[in-house]
C-alpha cells in the first residue's frame, strides 16, 4: 500500500473498486426492515387468520391440539366455549328468573288475594260458581239456607262475589208472576191484574233507582188504596217524618244518598209469588222476596263494597168494589214484614237502611253481638226472626 505525504497510506483505484463491490454484495444479502405499510398488512392478515381459527372452533366444535409450549392443564376450543356458554346461559336464566320473581312479588303486594286464592283453592271454587250459572226460579219454600260459597270480598267490578246471590236473578227478572186463574169470585183477568200490580209495587219499592236514592216513590204510592188508613196514609207519614211507629222501610228499600250509594245498576232478587182468596170478591197475592244491595260510601273514590240483604213478605189484596168497600183497581195492604241483614238497627226510625263496612268494625274494635242470623236463609218465616238487633252471619 502506497504511503501518502505525511505517513498516511494511499488506496489505489483497483483496491477501491474491489472494496465497493464487496460492500454491495454484503448489503444485498443483509435482512431489510419492512416498511410501515407492510407491517400493517402483515398484522391485519395475522388477526384475520386467528379469527378464522377461532370461528372454526366455535362452529364445528373441533379444537386444535395443545402445543408443546402450552402450560399444564391448558384447555382450548369447545371445552372452554361450552363451559362459558353454559355459564352465560345460567346467568341469563337467573336474570330472567329474577325479573319474573320481582314481577311476582309486585303482583302479590298489589293483589295478594290472587296467591291466596290459588293456595286455598278459592279460585277454582269461584270458577265453579260461575260455571254453575243462575239458579232456577223458586217454586216453593226452600228447606235450608243456601250452601257455603267462597268467602270472597266484593269489589266494584264483582259486587256479588262471595255471596249466594251471585247465582240469583237480576232485578225484576227474579220476580216471576204465576199464571192467573179465577178465584174468590174474581175473574181470571182481575186476578192477573192483581198479580201484575203486585209485581209493579215490588219493583217500584225495592228496585227503582230513585226509590233506592231516598226519593219519593210516587209510582209505588199510586198503586195503593188512598182510603186504607193503615196503608198508604201511614207510609206517606213515614216518608215525611220517619219514626219507629211510621217507618217507610216497612215497604221501601231506601238509602241515605249522603251516606252511601248503590254499586252499579243490578240488585239481585230471589223469591216467589202465589195467590188465593179468603172471601168472595177478593184476591190475595202473597209475595216473599229477598233483595241484595251492594253499596259503597257516598264519598267520591270509595271502593270498599258492603252488601245489605233485605227480605220482604207482603200480602196485598185487590177487591171487587161492588162487594167490598175499596177504591177500584187499587191494592190494599193485608200484611207487611221486613228484615234486613247488615243494617245498623241502632238507627231505626230514620227512614233509611244504614249498611256497615268491615273497615268501620275494625276501626271501632267492636265484634258481633246478638243472635246470629243468615240473611240468605229463606227456609223460615220472617215473623219468626229475632225482634232485637241480630248479627248477620254473612252479607
Protein backbone atom coordinates (compact mmCIF):
# COMPACT_ATOMS: atom_id res chain seq x y z
CA UNK A 1 0.00 0.00 0.00
CA UNK A 2 1.44 3.25 -1.04
CA UNK A 3 2.17 5.99 1.54
CA UNK A 4 0.76 9.47 1.08
CA UNK A 5 2.54 12.52 2.19
CA UNK A 6 2.54 12.83 5.96
CA UNK A 7 2.85 8.98 6.53
CA UNK A 8 -0.83 8.05 5.74
CA UNK A 9 -1.46 5.06 3.37
CA UNK A 10 -2.86 5.77 -0.09
CA UNK A 11 -5.56 3.36 -1.60
CA UNK A 12 -5.19 2.58 -5.29
CA UNK A 13 -8.07 2.74 -7.74
CA UNK A 14 -8.16 -1.06 -8.16
CA UNK A 15 -8.37 -1.68 -4.40
CA UNK A 16 -11.16 0.88 -4.03
CA UNK A 17 -13.15 -0.80 -6.79
CA UNK A 18 -12.81 -4.23 -5.16
CA UNK A 19 -13.91 -2.75 -1.78
CA UNK A 20 -17.02 -1.16 -3.30
CA UNK A 21 -18.07 -4.41 -4.97
CA UNK A 22 -17.71 -6.35 -1.68
CA UNK A 23 -19.84 -3.81 0.22
CA UNK A 24 -22.57 -4.03 -2.46
CA UNK A 25 -22.71 -7.86 -2.24
CA UNK A 26 -22.95 -7.88 1.56
CA UNK A 27 -25.69 -5.23 1.58
CA UNK A 28 -27.83 -7.27 -0.81
CA UNK A 29 -27.62 -10.34 1.46
CA UNK A 30 -28.45 -8.49 4.74
CA UNK A 31 -32.16 -8.53 6.08
CA UNK A 32 -34.16 -5.41 5.38
CA UNK A 33 -36.57 -3.61 7.87
CA UNK A 34 -40.17 -3.78 6.46
CA UNK A 35 -41.96 -0.56 5.71
CA UNK A 36 -44.80 0.73 7.93
CA UNK A 37 -47.45 -0.26 5.36
CA UNK A 38 -46.00 -3.75 5.10
CA UNK A 39 -46.15 -4.12 8.87
CA UNK A 40 -49.85 -3.07 8.93
CA UNK A 41 -50.81 -5.54 6.18
CA UNK A 42 -48.97 -8.33 7.93
CA UNK A 43 -50.68 -7.59 11.26
CA UNK A 44 -54.14 -7.49 9.66
CA UNK A 45 -53.58 -10.81 7.91
CA UNK A 46 -52.42 -12.35 11.18
CA UNK A 47 -55.55 -11.18 13.05
CA UNK A 48 -57.86 -12.43 10.30
CA UNK A 49 -56.18 -15.82 10.38
CA UNK A 50 -56.61 -16.05 14.15
CA UNK A 51 -60.26 -15.02 13.92
CA UNK A 52 -60.94 -17.68 11.30
CA UNK A 53 -59.32 -20.25 13.52
CA UNK A 54 -61.48 -19.22 16.48
CA UNK A 55 -64.62 -19.19 14.34
CA UNK A 56 -63.81 -22.68 13.12
CA UNK A 57 -63.55 -23.94 16.69
CA UNK A 58 -66.90 -22.40 17.72
CA UNK A 59 -68.81 -23.52 14.67
CA UNK A 60 -67.60 -27.08 14.28
CA UNK A 61 -66.66 -27.90 17.84
CA UNK A 62 -63.18 -29.13 16.98
CA UNK A 63 -60.18 -27.88 18.90
CA UNK A 64 -56.55 -27.80 17.83
CA UNK A 65 -54.26 -29.95 19.91
CA UNK A 66 -52.38 -28.15 22.65
CA UNK A 67 -48.94 -27.07 21.62
CA UNK A 68 -45.73 -28.13 23.27
CA UNK A 69 -45.38 -24.73 24.88
CA UNK A 70 -48.85 -24.67 26.42
CA UNK A 71 -48.92 -24.58 30.21
CA UNK A 72 -50.10 -27.69 32.10
CA UNK A 73 -53.91 -28.03 32.18
CA UNK A 74 -54.47 -25.59 29.36
CA UNK A 75 -57.80 -26.09 27.60
CA UNK A 76 -58.90 -24.53 24.36
CA UNK A 77 -61.68 -24.76 21.81
CA UNK A 78 -65.14 -26.15 22.50
CA UNK A 79 -64.38 -27.30 26.03
CA UNK A 80 -63.86 -23.69 27.07
CA UNK A 81 -66.63 -22.44 24.81
CA UNK A 82 -69.13 -24.98 26.14
CA UNK A 83 -68.25 -24.16 29.73
CA UNK A 84 -68.59 -20.44 29.15
CA UNK A 85 -71.71 -20.92 27.05
CA UNK A 86 -73.42 -22.84 29.84
CA UNK A 87 -72.31 -20.24 32.34
CA UNK A 88 -73.74 -17.41 30.29
CA UNK A 89 -76.95 -19.37 29.79
CA UNK A 90 -77.33 -19.85 33.53
CA UNK A 91 -76.74 -16.19 34.14
CA UNK A 92 -79.41 -15.34 31.59
CA UNK A 93 -81.83 -17.79 33.18
CA UNK A 94 -81.10 -16.41 36.61
CA UNK A 95 -81.63 -12.88 35.36
CA UNK A 96 -84.93 -13.87 33.74
CA UNK A 97 -85.99 -15.67 36.92
CA UNK A 98 -85.09 -12.59 38.93
CA UNK A 99 -87.26 -10.42 36.68
CA UNK A 100 -90.18 -12.85 36.96
CA UNK A 101 -89.66 -13.05 40.72
CA UNK A 102 -89.67 -9.28 41.11
CA UNK A 103 -92.81 -9.02 38.98
CA UNK A 104 -94.41 -11.76 41.05
CA UNK A 105 -93.59 -10.00 44.31
CA UNK A 106 -95.04 -6.78 42.95
CA UNK A 107 -98.22 -8.63 41.95
CA UNK A 108 -98.50 -10.21 45.39
CA UNK A 109 -98.08 -6.80 47.00
CA UNK A 110 -100.79 -5.27 44.83
CA UNK A 111 -103.20 -8.23 44.74
CA UNK A 112 -102.36 -10.77 47.45
CA UNK A 113 -105.73 -12.44 47.00
CA UNK A 114 -104.51 -13.97 43.73
CA UNK A 115 -101.88 -16.03 45.53
CA UNK A 116 -104.19 -16.78 48.45
CA UNK A 117 -106.93 -17.89 46.07
CA UNK A 118 -104.51 -20.23 44.32
CA UNK A 119 -103.19 -21.75 47.53
CA UNK A 120 -106.61 -22.21 49.14
CA UNK A 121 -108.43 -23.42 46.04
CA UNK A 122 -110.73 -20.43 46.21
CA UNK A 123 -110.08 -19.53 42.58
CA UNK A 124 -111.29 -22.96 41.47
CA UNK A 125 -114.37 -22.72 43.69
CA UNK A 126 -115.13 -19.27 42.31
CA UNK A 127 -114.87 -20.55 38.75
CA UNK A 128 -117.16 -23.45 39.61
CA UNK A 129 -119.74 -20.98 40.92
CA UNK A 130 -119.53 -19.01 37.68
CA UNK A 131 -119.88 -22.15 35.62
CA UNK A 132 -122.92 -23.25 37.63
CA UNK A 133 -124.99 -20.45 36.11
CA UNK A 134 -128.18 -18.87 37.50
CA UNK A 135 -130.48 -20.83 39.77
CA UNK A 136 -133.88 -21.94 38.51
CA UNK A 137 -136.87 -19.99 39.74
CA UNK A 138 -138.03 -20.66 43.28
CA UNK A 139 -141.28 -22.63 43.21
CA UNK A 140 -141.73 -23.27 46.92
CA UNK A 141 -140.21 -22.57 50.29
CA UNK A 142 -136.62 -23.84 50.48
CA UNK A 143 -135.83 -26.47 53.09
CA UNK A 144 -132.45 -24.98 54.05
CA UNK A 145 -130.24 -21.95 53.65
CA UNK A 146 -128.03 -21.68 50.55
CA UNK A 147 -124.80 -23.62 50.79
CA UNK A 148 -121.49 -22.04 51.65
CA UNK A 149 -119.65 -20.14 48.93
CA UNK A 150 -116.04 -18.89 48.87
CA UNK A 151 -115.82 -16.01 51.35
CA UNK A 152 -114.51 -13.53 48.81
CA UNK A 153 -114.55 -9.81 49.32
CA UNK A 154 -116.90 -7.99 46.94
CA UNK A 155 -115.41 -5.48 44.52
CA UNK A 156 -116.74 -2.67 42.38
CA UNK A 157 -116.38 -4.95 39.36
CA UNK A 158 -117.87 -8.00 41.10
CA UNK A 159 -120.11 -6.67 43.89
CA UNK A 160 -121.80 -10.05 44.46
CA UNK A 161 -118.59 -12.06 44.73
CA UNK A 162 -118.61 -14.27 47.82
CA UNK A 163 -122.40 -14.17 48.06
CA UNK A 164 -125.06 -16.81 47.25
CA UNK A 165 -126.82 -14.01 45.38
CA UNK A 166 -124.22 -14.27 42.61
CA UNK A 167 -126.44 -17.01 41.15
CA UNK A 168 -129.69 -15.16 41.71
CA UNK A 169 -131.66 -13.32 39.06
CA UNK A 170 -131.04 -9.69 38.23
CA UNK A 171 -133.69 -7.28 39.45
CA UNK A 172 -137.17 -7.62 38.01
CA UNK A 173 -136.21 -10.84 36.20
CA UNK A 174 -136.34 -12.53 39.60
CA UNK A 175 -139.98 -11.54 40.18
CA UNK A 176 -141.96 -14.11 38.25
CA UNK A 177 -145.74 -13.95 38.17
CA UNK A 178 -147.70 -17.19 38.32
CA UNK A 179 -150.35 -17.94 35.75
CA UNK A 180 -153.66 -16.35 36.74
CA UNK A 181 -156.88 -18.22 37.38
CA UNK A 182 -160.29 -17.21 38.61
CA UNK A 183 -160.57 -17.27 42.41
CA UNK A 184 -162.88 -15.83 45.10
CA UNK A 185 -165.48 -14.85 42.60
CA UNK A 186 -162.86 -12.73 40.80
CA UNK A 187 -162.39 -13.33 37.09
CA UNK A 188 -159.08 -14.52 35.72
CA UNK A 189 -158.45 -11.07 34.23
CA UNK A 190 -158.86 -9.38 37.59
CA UNK A 191 -156.56 -11.89 39.25
CA UNK A 192 -153.97 -11.25 36.53
CA UNK A 193 -154.33 -7.52 37.21
CA UNK A 194 -153.68 -8.06 40.92
CA UNK A 195 -150.57 -10.13 40.18
CA UNK A 196 -149.19 -7.55 37.71
CA UNK A 197 -149.79 -4.67 40.14
CA UNK A 198 -148.11 -6.52 43.00
CA UNK A 199 -145.07 -7.09 40.81
CA UNK A 200 -145.06 -3.41 39.84
CA UNK A 201 -145.23 -2.48 43.52
CA UNK A 202 -142.24 -4.71 44.36
CA UNK A 203 -140.21 -3.18 41.53
CA UNK A 204 -141.09 0.41 42.42
CA UNK A 205 -140.48 -0.22 46.14
CA UNK A 206 -137.27 -2.24 46.02
CA UNK A 207 -135.58 -1.85 42.64
CA UNK A 208 -136.32 1.61 41.30
CA UNK A 209 -133.09 3.69 41.44
CA UNK A 210 -134.96 6.80 42.58
CA UNK A 211 -136.51 4.91 45.48
CA UNK A 212 -133.13 3.48 46.47
CA UNK A 213 -131.69 7.02 46.47
CA UNK A 214 -134.31 8.04 49.02
CA UNK A 215 -136.60 9.94 46.64
CA UNK A 216 -140.36 9.86 46.97
CA UNK A 217 -141.66 6.59 45.47
CA UNK A 218 -144.60 8.05 43.58
CA UNK A 219 -145.17 5.07 41.28
CA UNK A 220 -145.43 2.71 44.25
CA UNK A 221 -147.75 5.02 46.18
CA UNK A 222 -150.07 5.34 43.19
CA UNK A 223 -150.72 1.59 43.30
CA UNK A 224 -152.03 1.74 46.88
CA UNK A 225 -155.57 2.48 48.01
CA UNK A 226 -155.57 6.01 49.50
CA UNK A 227 -158.63 5.12 51.54
CA UNK A 228 -156.87 2.49 53.63
CA UNK A 229 -155.86 4.42 56.76
CA UNK A 230 -153.20 1.98 57.97
CA UNK A 231 -151.79 1.54 54.49
CA UNK A 232 -150.88 4.35 52.14
CA UNK A 233 -151.53 7.25 54.56
CA UNK A 234 -149.29 5.64 57.21
CA UNK A 235 -146.47 5.13 54.72
CA UNK A 236 -146.76 8.70 53.45
CA UNK A 237 -146.48 9.95 57.01
CA UNK A 238 -143.34 7.84 57.45
CA UNK A 239 -141.83 9.34 54.29
CA UNK A 240 -142.46 12.88 55.57
CA UNK A 241 -141.46 12.27 59.20
CA UNK A 242 -139.97 8.80 59.70
CA UNK A 243 -140.14 7.22 63.15
CA UNK A 244 -140.22 3.78 64.71
CA UNK A 245 -144.03 3.97 64.55
CA UNK A 246 -144.20 5.08 60.92
CA UNK A 247 -141.22 3.72 59.05
CA UNK A 248 -141.13 3.76 55.23
CA UNK A 249 -138.72 0.80 55.42
CA UNK A 250 -141.73 -1.37 56.13
CA UNK A 251 -142.41 -1.20 52.40
CA UNK A 252 -139.48 0.55 50.69
CA UNK A 253 -135.74 -0.05 50.44
CA UNK A 254 -134.07 3.33 50.85
CA UNK A 255 -130.50 4.53 51.42
CA UNK A 256 -129.35 7.94 52.56
CA UNK A 257 -127.63 9.44 49.45
CA UNK A 258 -125.34 11.47 51.71
CA UNK A 259 -124.11 8.24 53.27
CA UNK A 260 -123.95 5.51 50.62
CA UNK A 261 -124.78 4.77 47.01
CA UNK A 262 -125.72 1.54 45.26
CA UNK A 263 -122.97 -0.04 43.15
CA UNK A 264 -123.91 -0.48 39.51
CA UNK A 265 -127.44 -1.00 38.28
CA UNK A 266 -128.06 -4.59 39.38
CA UNK A 267 -129.88 -5.70 42.52
CA UNK A 268 -130.06 -9.46 43.00
CA UNK A 269 -133.51 -10.90 43.59
CA UNK A 270 -134.94 -14.23 44.64
CA UNK A 271 -138.39 -15.27 45.80
CA UNK A 272 -141.83 -16.44 44.78
CA UNK A 273 -145.40 -15.24 44.40
CA UNK A 274 -148.74 -17.00 44.85
CA UNK A 275 -152.40 -16.07 45.20
CA UNK A 276 -155.59 -17.25 46.88
CA UNK A 277 -158.79 -15.83 48.37
CA UNK A 278 -160.39 -15.67 51.78
CA UNK A 279 -163.81 -14.39 50.82
CA UNK A 280 -165.99 -13.52 47.90
CA UNK A 281 -164.90 -10.51 45.88
CA UNK A 282 -161.27 -10.71 46.96
CA UNK A 283 -157.94 -11.96 45.61
CA UNK A 284 -154.90 -12.04 47.86
CA UNK A 285 -151.40 -12.02 46.43
CA UNK A 286 -148.58 -13.38 48.62
CA UNK A 287 -145.03 -12.25 47.83
CA UNK A 288 -141.85 -13.42 49.57
CA UNK A 289 -138.67 -11.89 48.12
CA UNK A 290 -135.10 -11.21 49.17
CA UNK A 291 -133.15 -8.32 47.63
CA UNK A 292 -129.37 -7.93 47.84
CA UNK A 293 -127.95 -4.41 47.55
CA UNK A 294 -124.21 -3.76 47.04
CA UNK A 295 -123.20 -0.30 48.24
CA UNK A 296 -120.15 1.93 48.73
CA UNK A 297 -119.74 5.09 50.73
CA UNK A 298 -121.00 8.23 49.03
CA UNK A 299 -117.57 9.85 49.20
CA UNK A 300 -116.03 10.05 45.70
CA UNK A 301 -113.39 7.42 45.09
CA UNK A 302 -114.74 4.98 47.68
CA UNK A 303 -114.19 1.37 46.66
CA UNK A 304 -114.98 -0.73 49.75
CA UNK A 305 -118.14 -2.65 48.93
CA UNK A 306 -120.67 -3.79 51.52
CA UNK A 307 -123.95 -5.58 50.97
CA UNK A 308 -127.32 -5.20 52.67
CA UNK A 309 -129.79 -8.08 52.35
CA UNK A 310 -133.49 -7.25 52.70
CA UNK A 311 -136.24 -9.85 52.85
CA UNK A 312 -139.88 -8.84 52.50
CA UNK A 313 -143.11 -10.77 52.80
CA UNK A 314 -146.20 -8.95 51.59
CA UNK A 315 -149.82 -9.85 51.27
CA UNK A 316 -151.71 -7.46 49.02
CA UNK A 317 -155.43 -7.62 48.22
CA UNK A 318 -157.46 -6.43 45.28
CA UNK A 319 -161.21 -6.16 45.93
CA UNK A 320 -164.33 -6.07 43.87
CA UNK A 321 -165.72 -2.61 44.80
CA UNK A 322 -169.24 -3.97 44.32
CA UNK A 323 -168.71 -6.42 47.17
CA UNK A 324 -166.05 -4.77 49.39
CA UNK A 325 -165.51 -1.12 50.22
CA UNK A 326 -162.35 -0.25 48.31
CA UNK A 327 -161.02 2.09 45.67
CA UNK A 328 -161.42 0.35 42.30
CA UNK A 329 -158.18 -1.05 40.89
CA UNK A 330 -156.05 -0.16 43.93
CA UNK A 331 -154.15 -2.55 46.16
CA UNK A 332 -154.65 -2.71 49.90
CA UNK A 333 -152.03 -3.91 52.38
CA UNK A 334 -153.06 -7.00 54.34
CA UNK A 335 -149.63 -7.71 55.86
CA UNK A 336 -146.06 -6.48 55.52
CA UNK A 337 -142.99 -7.89 57.24
CA UNK A 338 -139.38 -6.93 56.67
CA UNK A 339 -135.93 -7.96 57.89
CA UNK A 340 -132.54 -6.61 56.91
CA UNK A 341 -129.06 -8.07 57.19
CA UNK A 342 -126.15 -5.63 57.60
CA UNK A 343 -128.29 -2.71 58.67
CA UNK A 344 -127.37 -0.69 61.74
CA UNK A 345 -130.55 -1.28 63.71
CA UNK A 346 -129.41 1.21 66.36
CA UNK A 347 -130.55 3.84 63.87
CA UNK A 348 -134.10 2.55 63.42
CA UNK A 349 -136.69 5.19 62.70
CA UNK A 350 -134.55 7.28 60.35
CA UNK A 351 -136.33 6.02 57.23
CA UNK A 352 -133.09 4.69 55.71
CA UNK A 353 -131.08 1.49 55.68
CA UNK A 354 -127.61 2.01 57.17
CA UNK A 355 -125.08 -0.57 55.92
CA UNK A 356 -121.91 -1.10 57.90
CA UNK A 357 -118.48 -1.67 56.37
CA UNK A 358 -115.79 -4.05 57.58
CA UNK A 359 -113.28 -1.23 57.95
CA UNK A 360 -115.64 0.55 60.33
CA UNK A 361 -115.93 -2.50 62.55
CA UNK A 362 -112.16 -2.93 62.63
CA UNK A 363 -111.60 0.73 63.44
CA UNK A 364 -114.20 0.64 66.21
CA UNK A 365 -112.77 -2.58 67.61
CA UNK A 366 -116.26 -3.97 68.11
CA UNK A 367 -117.23 -7.57 67.47
CA UNK A 368 -120.61 -9.05 66.57
CA UNK A 369 -123.32 -9.17 69.19
CA UNK A 370 -126.85 -10.51 69.41
CA UNK A 371 -128.20 -13.72 67.85
CA UNK A 372 -126.64 -14.80 64.58
CA UNK A 373 -128.94 -14.94 61.55
CA UNK A 374 -128.22 -15.94 57.96
CA UNK A 375 -129.92 -13.24 55.85
CA UNK A 376 -129.90 -15.58 52.83
CA UNK A 377 -131.86 -18.27 54.63
CA UNK A 378 -135.35 -18.29 53.12
CA UNK A 379 -136.45 -21.55 54.71
CA UNK A 380 -138.17 -19.92 57.72
CA UNK A 381 -140.75 -17.20 58.32
CA UNK A 382 -139.78 -13.56 58.69
CA UNK A 383 -142.20 -13.37 61.62
CA UNK A 384 -140.08 -15.93 63.50
CA UNK A 385 -136.83 -13.99 63.19
CA UNK A 386 -135.35 -12.22 66.26
CA UNK A 387 -137.03 -8.96 67.17
CA UNK A 388 -133.86 -7.50 68.68
CA UNK A 389 -130.73 -6.50 66.81
CA UNK A 390 -129.10 -9.59 65.39
CA UNK A 391 -125.78 -10.33 63.71
CA UNK A 392 -125.75 -11.33 60.06
CA UNK A 393 -123.61 -14.44 59.52
CA UNK A 394 -122.77 -13.21 56.01
CA UNK A 395 -123.76 -10.44 53.68
